[in-house]
């Protein structure tokens, strides 16, 4: 376990550096997101969870606004804690991008005063597809996050029937991401250059 954590931290430092140096983030983000929405798994999804990109992540704001305008049911996460004090994601149905405010980590999310508003809460079982950010990925679906555990804890509760897809710049891909037994791999990883399927990328 300790060696795995050391390895993850080493990869995380390198991944942050690569992501921060990535040029043309707006154009590449749009290309990546367009690949996602063109896939049958997306076209057939009724309820999609999109993360709201921040800092040097693949930017999702434009595609979220586009999908909302076309009537797709879009869910966004917010950072919270469960009954045991573990970091966890809550789910909130988004109607308009202007509903979001800067949250605890500087990420756009619904204001805490509206988390439990009637008609806005979404059960994890309702999600057909989840779009996940990451600091780094590998071609087999391995994912490295920021180290806070929000997505790790959340994804452990997701049904096998729900598709989980990661998005990143090609520069964030590694040959191998160290993973624990409890880590959930991505079904697909999308970059500006390719789409990687975890069962086919060997």
C-alpha atoms as a PDB file:
ATOM      1  CA  UNK A   1       0.000   0.000   0.000  1.00  0.00           C
ATOM      2  CA  UNK A   2       2.721   2.494   1.001  1.00  0.00           C
ATOM      3  CA  UNK A   3       4.741   1.825  -2.163  1.00  0.00           C
ATOM      4  CA  UNK A   4       1.606   2.276  -4.255  1.00  0.00           C
ATOM      5  CA  UNK A   5       0.951   5.656  -2.624  1.00  0.00           C
ATOM      6  CA  UNK A   6       4.523   6.735  -3.291  1.00  0.00           C
ATOM      7  CA  UNK A   7       4.203   5.641  -6.924  1.00  0.00           C
ATOM      8  CA  UNK A   8       0.904   7.500  -7.282  1.00  0.00           C
ATOM      9  CA  UNK A   9       2.370  10.679  -5.844  1.00  0.00           C
ATOM     10  CA  UNK A  10       5.329  10.463  -8.229  1.00  0.00           C
ATOM     11  CA  UNK A  11       3.042  10.037 -11.224  1.00  0.00           C
ATOM     12  CA  UNK A  12       0.723  12.776  -9.952  1.00  0.00           C
ATOM     13  CA  UNK A  13       3.526  15.349  -9.851  1.00  0.00           C
ATOM     14  CA  UNK A  14       4.537  14.502 -13.423  1.00  0.00           C
ATOM     15  CA  UNK A  15       0.920  14.485 -14.615  1.00  0.00           C
ATOM     16  CA  UNK A  16       0.180  17.909 -13.114  1.00  0.00           C
ATOM     17  CA  UNK A  17       3.216  19.335 -14.864  1.00  0.00           C
ATOM     18  CA  UNK A  18       2.196  17.864 -18.223  1.00  0.00           C
ATOM     19  CA  UNK A  19      -1.397  19.005 -17.908  1.00  0.00           C
ATOM     20  CA  UNK A  20      -0.439  22.525 -16.877  1.00  0.00           C
ATOM     21  CA  UNK A  21       1.893  22.840 -19.868  1.00  0.00           C
ATOM     22  CA  UNK A  22      -0.714  21.641 -22.365  1.00  0.00           C
ATOM     23  CA  UNK A  23      -1.347  24.275 -25.026  1.00  0.00           C
ATOM     24  CA  UNK A  24      -4.572  24.924 -26.983  1.00  0.00           C
ATOM     25  CA  UNK A  25      -6.724  23.675 -24.111  1.00  0.00           C
ATOM     26  CA  UNK A  26      -9.939  25.242 -25.412  1.00  0.00           C
ATOM     27  CA  UNK A  27      -9.719  23.746 -28.901  1.00  0.00           C
ATOM     28  CA  UNK A  28      -8.544  20.335 -27.701  1.00  0.00           C
ATOM     29  CA  UNK A  29     -11.204  20.215 -24.995  1.00  0.00           C
ATOM     30  CA  UNK A  30     -13.908  20.837 -27.569  1.00  0.00           C
ATOM     31  CA  UNK A  31     -12.503  18.072 -29.769  1.00  0.00           C
ATOM     32  CA  UNK A  32     -12.412  15.605 -26.873  1.00  0.00           C
ATOM     33  CA  UNK A  33     -15.935  16.429 -25.712  1.00  0.00           C
ATOM     34  CA  UNK A  34     -17.253  16.148 -29.256  1.00  0.00           C
ATOM     35  CA  UNK A  35     -15.842  12.612 -29.455  1.00  0.00           C
ATOM     36  CA  UNK A  36     -17.667  11.740 -26.258  1.00  0.00           C
ATOM     37  CA  UNK A  37     -21.086  12.939 -27.415  1.00  0.00           C
ATOM     38  CA  UNK A  38     -20.766  11.212 -30.796  1.00  0.00           C
ATOM     39  CA  UNK A  39     -20.457   7.762 -29.206  1.00  0.00           C
ATOM     40  CA  UNK A  40     -23.490   5.417 -29.098  1.00  0.00           C
ATOM     41  CA  UNK A  41     -23.038   5.107 -25.323  1.00  0.00           C
ATOM     42  CA  UNK A  42     -23.676   8.829 -25.043  1.00  0.00           C
ATOM     43  CA  UNK A  43     -26.406   9.076 -27.647  1.00  0.00           C
ATOM     44  CA  UNK A  44     -28.397   6.382 -25.848  1.00  0.00           C
ATOM     45  CA  UNK A  45     -27.953   7.880 -22.370  1.00  0.00           C
ATOM     46  CA  UNK A  46     -30.915   9.658 -20.802  1.00  0.00           C
ATOM     47  CA  UNK A  47     -29.077  10.982 -17.751  1.00  0.00           C
ATOM     48  CA  UNK A  48     -25.427  12.030 -18.003  1.00  0.00           C
ATOM     49  CA  UNK A  49     -23.163  13.294 -15.251  1.00  0.00           C
ATOM     50  CA  UNK A  50     -20.601  15.802 -16.499  1.00  0.00           C
ATOM     51  CA  UNK A  51     -17.926  17.177 -14.208  1.00  0.00           C
ATOM     52  CA  UNK A  52     -17.446  20.941 -14.483  1.00  0.00           C
ATOM     53  CA  UNK A  53     -13.867  21.484 -15.603  1.00  0.00           C
ATOM     54  CA  UNK A  54     -11.593  23.826 -13.683  1.00  0.00           C
ATOM     55  CA  UNK A  55      -7.997  25.020 -13.836  1.00  0.00           C
ATOM     56  CA  UNK A  56      -6.042  22.902 -16.366  1.00  0.00           C
ATOM     57  CA  UNK A  57      -8.573  20.062 -16.749  1.00  0.00           C
ATOM     58  CA  UNK A  58     -10.304  19.278 -20.031  1.00  0.00           C
ATOM     59  CA  UNK A  59     -12.860  22.078 -20.235  1.00  0.00           C
ATOM     60  CA  UNK A  60     -16.480  20.971 -20.248  1.00  0.00           C
ATOM     61  CA  UNK A  61     -18.447  24.185 -19.790  1.00  0.00           C
ATOM     62  CA  UNK A  62     -19.214  24.702 -23.487  1.00  0.00           C
ATOM     63  CA  UNK A  63     -20.441  21.159 -24.060  1.00  0.00           C
ATOM     64  CA  UNK A  64     -22.585  21.225 -20.902  1.00  0.00           C
ATOM     65  CA  UNK A  65     -24.310  24.399 -22.077  1.00  0.00           C
ATOM     66  CA  UNK A  66     -24.812  22.859 -25.514  1.00  0.00           C
ATOM     67  CA  UNK A  67     -26.327  19.675 -24.120  1.00  0.00           C
ATOM     68  CA  UNK A  68     -28.633  21.611 -21.805  1.00  0.00           C
ATOM     69  CA  UNK A  69     -29.896  23.646 -24.756  1.00  0.00           C
ATOM     70  CA  UNK A  70     -30.718  20.412 -26.569  1.00  0.00           C
ATOM     71  CA  UNK A  71     -32.779  19.084 -23.695  1.00  0.00           C
ATOM     72  CA  UNK A  72     -30.537  16.331 -22.374  1.00  0.00           C
ATOM     73  CA  UNK A  73     -30.770  15.640 -18.652  1.00  0.00           C
ATOM     74  CA  UNK A  74     -27.449  16.821 -17.248  1.00  0.00           C
ATOM     75  CA  UNK A  75     -26.269  16.111 -13.714  1.00  0.00           C
ATOM     76  CA  UNK A  76     -23.280  17.797 -12.066  1.00  0.00           C
ATOM     77  CA  UNK A  77     -21.429  16.747  -8.904  1.00  0.00           C
ATOM     78  CA  UNK A  78     -20.728  18.724  -5.764  1.00  0.00           C
ATOM     79  CA  UNK A  79     -18.164  18.003  -3.060  1.00  0.00           C
ATOM     80  CA  UNK A  80     -19.583  16.854   0.262  1.00  0.00           C
ATOM     81  CA  UNK A  81     -19.027  14.194   2.932  1.00  0.00           C
ATOM     82  CA  UNK A  82     -20.975  11.079   3.819  1.00  0.00           C
ATOM     83  CA  UNK A  83     -22.245  10.103   7.277  1.00  0.00           C
ATOM     84  CA  UNK A  84     -18.808   8.700   8.153  1.00  0.00           C
ATOM     85  CA  UNK A  85     -16.951  11.886   7.263  1.00  0.00           C
ATOM     86  CA  UNK A  86     -15.543  10.504   4.019  1.00  0.00           C
ATOM     87  CA  UNK A  87     -15.229  12.759   1.006  1.00  0.00           C
ATOM     88  CA  UNK A  88     -18.077  12.029  -1.383  1.00  0.00           C
ATOM     89  CA  UNK A  89     -19.850  13.501  -4.397  1.00  0.00           C
ATOM     90  CA  UNK A  90     -23.468  14.601  -4.336  1.00  0.00           C
ATOM     91  CA  UNK A  91     -25.544  14.692  -7.519  1.00  0.00           C
ATOM     92  CA  UNK A  92     -27.595  17.644  -8.716  1.00  0.00           C
ATOM     93  CA  UNK A  93     -29.728  18.106 -11.823  1.00  0.00           C
ATOM     94  CA  UNK A  94     -28.629  21.199 -13.715  1.00  0.00           C
ATOM     95  CA  UNK A  95     -31.194  23.350 -15.511  1.00  0.00           C
ATOM     96  CA  UNK A  96     -29.037  26.333 -16.416  1.00  0.00           C
ATOM     97  CA  UNK A  97     -25.291  26.857 -16.158  1.00  0.00           C
ATOM     98  CA  UNK A  98     -25.868  30.125 -14.284  1.00  0.00           C
ATOM     99  CA  UNK A  99     -27.094  28.093 -11.282  1.00  0.00           C
ATOM    100  CA  UNK A 100     -23.505  27.144 -10.430  1.00  0.00           C
ATOM    101  CA  UNK A 101     -21.216  29.019  -8.043  1.00  0.00           C
ATOM    102  CA  UNK A 102     -17.603  28.571  -6.980  1.00  0.00           C
ATOM    103  CA  UNK A 103     -17.434  25.886  -4.284  1.00  0.00           C
ATOM    104  CA  UNK A 104     -14.959  24.698  -1.675  1.00  0.00           C
ATOM    105  CA  UNK A 105     -12.198  23.782  -4.132  1.00  0.00           C
ATOM    106  CA  UNK A 106     -12.873  26.591  -6.576  1.00  0.00           C
ATOM    107  CA  UNK A 107     -14.987  24.254  -8.705  1.00  0.00           C
ATOM    108  CA  UNK A 108     -18.312  25.440 -10.073  1.00  0.00           C
ATOM    109  CA  UNK A 109     -21.099  23.546  -8.313  1.00  0.00           C
ATOM    110  CA  UNK A 110     -24.612  24.181  -6.993  1.00  0.00           C
ATOM    111  CA  UNK A 111     -24.771  26.438  -3.917  1.00  0.00           C
ATOM    112  CA  UNK A 112     -24.974  24.463  -0.677  1.00  0.00           C
ATOM    113  CA  UNK A 113     -28.300  26.116   0.145  1.00  0.00           C
ATOM    114  CA  UNK A 114     -29.829  24.331  -2.865  1.00  0.00           C
ATOM    115  CA  UNK A 115     -28.266  20.868  -2.527  1.00  0.00           C
ATOM    116  CA  UNK A 116     -31.454  19.327  -1.174  1.00  0.00           C
ATOM    117  CA  UNK A 117     -33.906  21.353  -3.202  1.00  0.00           C
ATOM    118  CA  UNK A 118     -36.926  19.401  -4.427  1.00  0.00           C
ATOM    119  CA  UNK A 119     -36.525  18.132  -7.973  1.00  0.00           C
ATOM    120  CA  UNK A 120     -32.782  18.749  -8.005  1.00  0.00           C
ATOM    121  CA  UNK A 121     -31.429  15.731  -6.142  1.00  0.00           C
ATOM    122  CA  UNK A 122     -30.466  12.757  -8.302  1.00  0.00           C
ATOM    123  CA  UNK A 123     -29.939   9.168  -7.144  1.00  0.00           C
ATOM    124  CA  UNK A 124     -26.783   7.445  -8.334  1.00  0.00           C
ATOM    125  CA  UNK A 125     -28.929   4.679  -9.840  1.00  0.00           C
ATOM    126  CA  UNK A 126     -30.411   7.189 -12.287  1.00  0.00           C
ATOM    127  CA  UNK A 127     -27.097   7.813 -14.036  1.00  0.00           C
ATOM    128  CA  UNK A 128     -26.605   6.147 -17.403  1.00  0.00           C
ATOM    129  CA  UNK A 129     -23.196   7.656 -18.081  1.00  0.00           C
ATOM    130  CA  UNK A 130     -20.538   9.426 -16.016  1.00  0.00           C
ATOM    131  CA  UNK A 131     -17.822  11.655 -17.478  1.00  0.00           C
ATOM    132  CA  UNK A 132     -14.833  11.702 -15.139  1.00  0.00           C
ATOM    133  CA  UNK A 133     -11.829  14.047 -14.898  1.00  0.00           C
ATOM    134  CA  UNK A 134      -8.384  12.928 -13.850  1.00  0.00           C
ATOM    135  CA  UNK A 135      -4.822  14.022 -13.335  1.00  0.00           C
ATOM    136  CA  UNK A 136      -3.600  11.037 -15.344  1.00  0.00           C
ATOM    137  CA  UNK A 137      -4.918   7.916 -17.069  1.00  0.00           C
ATOM    138  CA  UNK A 138      -3.541   4.838 -18.761  1.00  0.00           C
ATOM    139  CA  UNK A 139      -4.856   3.102 -21.869  1.00  0.00           C
ATOM    140  CA  UNK A 140      -6.492   0.304 -19.866  1.00  0.00           C
ATOM    141  CA  UNK A 141      -8.746   2.664 -17.956  1.00  0.00           C
ATOM    142  CA  UNK A 142      -6.540   3.271 -14.947  1.00  0.00           C
ATOM    143  CA  UNK A 143      -7.171   6.668 -13.399  1.00  0.00           C
ATOM    144  CA  UNK A 144      -5.228   8.937 -11.068  1.00  0.00           C
ATOM    145  CA  UNK A 145      -7.153  11.694  -9.296  1.00  0.00           C
ATOM    146  CA  UNK A 146      -6.160  14.617  -7.107  1.00  0.00           C
ATOM    147  CA  UNK A 147      -5.793  12.414  -4.057  1.00  0.00           C
ATOM    148  CA  UNK A 148      -8.844  13.656  -2.133  1.00  0.00           C
ATOM    149  CA  UNK A 149     -10.897  10.510  -2.795  1.00  0.00           C
ATOM    150  CA  UNK A 150     -14.109  12.179  -3.982  1.00  0.00           C
ATOM    151  CA  UNK A 151     -14.366  10.259  -7.231  1.00  0.00           C
ATOM    152  CA  UNK A 152     -12.796   7.082  -5.845  1.00  0.00           C
ATOM    153  CA  UNK A 153     -15.435   6.834  -3.116  1.00  0.00           C
ATOM    154  CA  UNK A 154     -18.226   7.810  -5.489  1.00  0.00           C
ATOM    155  CA  UNK A 155     -17.328   5.375  -8.267  1.00  0.00           C
ATOM    156  CA  UNK A 156     -17.265   2.438  -5.856  1.00  0.00           C
ATOM    157  CA  UNK A 157     -21.041   2.873  -5.512  1.00  0.00           C
ATOM    158  CA  UNK A 158     -21.781   2.976  -9.238  1.00  0.00           C
ATOM    159  CA  UNK A 159     -23.651   0.085 -10.824  1.00  0.00           C
ATOM    160  CA  UNK A 160     -21.853  -2.031 -13.416  1.00  0.00           C
ATOM    161  CA  UNK A 161     -24.607  -1.025 -15.839  1.00  0.00           C
ATOM    162  CA  UNK A 162     -23.520   2.624 -15.696  1.00  0.00           C
ATOM    163  CA  UNK A 163     -20.807   3.565 -18.174  1.00  0.00           C
ATOM    164  CA  UNK A 164     -17.819   5.428 -16.738  1.00  0.00           C
ATOM    165  CA  UNK A 165     -15.667   7.398 -19.161  1.00  0.00           C
ATOM    166  CA  UNK A 166     -12.542   9.443 -18.535  1.00  0.00           C
ATOM    167  CA  UNK A 167     -11.414  12.464 -20.531  1.00  0.00           C
ATOM    168  CA  UNK A 168      -7.907  13.900 -20.688  1.00  0.00           C
ATOM    169  CA  UNK A 169      -5.316  15.399 -22.977  1.00  0.00           C
ATOM    170  CA  UNK A 170      -3.034  12.893 -24.699  1.00  0.00           C
ATOM    171  CA  UNK A 171      -0.136  14.286 -22.660  1.00  0.00           C
ATOM    172  CA  UNK A 172      -1.830  12.966 -19.502  1.00  0.00           C
ATOM    173  CA  UNK A 173      -1.635   9.343 -20.644  1.00  0.00           C
ATOM    174  CA  UNK A 174       0.834   7.024 -18.914  1.00  0.00           C
ATOM    175  CA  UNK A 175       1.878   3.456 -19.672  1.00  0.00           C
ATOM    176  CA  UNK A 176       0.696   2.389 -16.234  1.00  0.00           C
ATOM    177  CA  UNK A 177      -1.274   4.013 -13.421  1.00  0.00           C
ATOM    178  CA  UNK A 178      -0.880   2.265 -10.024  1.00  0.00           C
ATOM    179  CA  UNK A 179      -4.315   1.187  -8.805  1.00  0.00           C
ATOM    180  CA  UNK A 180      -5.703  -0.286  -5.598  1.00  0.00           C
ATOM    181  CA  UNK A 181      -8.193  -3.169  -5.568  1.00  0.00           C
ATOM    182  CA  UNK A 182     -10.976  -0.709  -4.760  1.00  0.00           C
ATOM    183  CA  UNK A 183     -10.143   1.656  -7.650  1.00  0.00           C
ATOM    184  CA  UNK A 184     -12.701   1.618 -10.461  1.00  0.00           C
ATOM    185  CA  UNK A 185     -11.290   1.609 -14.016  1.00  0.00           C
ATOM    186  CA  UNK A 186     -12.798   3.666 -16.818  1.00  0.00           C
ATOM    187  CA  UNK A 187     -14.704   1.846 -19.547  1.00  0.00           C
ATOM    188  CA  UNK A 188     -13.280   4.317 -22.059  1.00  0.00           C
ATOM    189  CA  UNK A 189     -10.671   7.075 -21.986  1.00  0.00           C
ATOM    190  CA  UNK A 190     -11.047   9.886 -24.537  1.00  0.00           C
ATOM    191  CA  UNK A 191      -8.216  12.134 -25.708  1.00  0.00           C
ATOM    192  CA  UNK A 192      -7.916  14.478 -28.673  1.00  0.00           C
ATOM    193  CA  UNK A 193      -6.060  11.731 -30.556  1.00  0.00           C
ATOM    194  CA  UNK A 194      -7.825   8.484 -29.712  1.00  0.00           C
ATOM    195  CA  UNK A 195     -10.460   6.567 -27.780  1.00  0.00           C
ATOM    196  CA  UNK A 196      -9.100   3.839 -25.522  1.00  0.00           C
ATOM    197  CA  UNK A 197     -11.284   0.898 -24.469  1.00  0.00           C
ATOM    198  CA  UNK A 198     -10.023  -0.870 -21.354  1.00  0.00           C
ATOM    199  CA  UNK A 199     -10.866  -4.332 -22.718  1.00  0.00           C
ATOM    200  CA  UNK A 200      -9.078  -3.716 -26.022  1.00  0.00           C
ATOM    201  CA  UNK A 201      -6.017  -1.681 -25.001  1.00  0.00           C
ATOM    202  CA  UNK A 202      -3.337  -4.263 -24.339  1.00  0.00           C
END
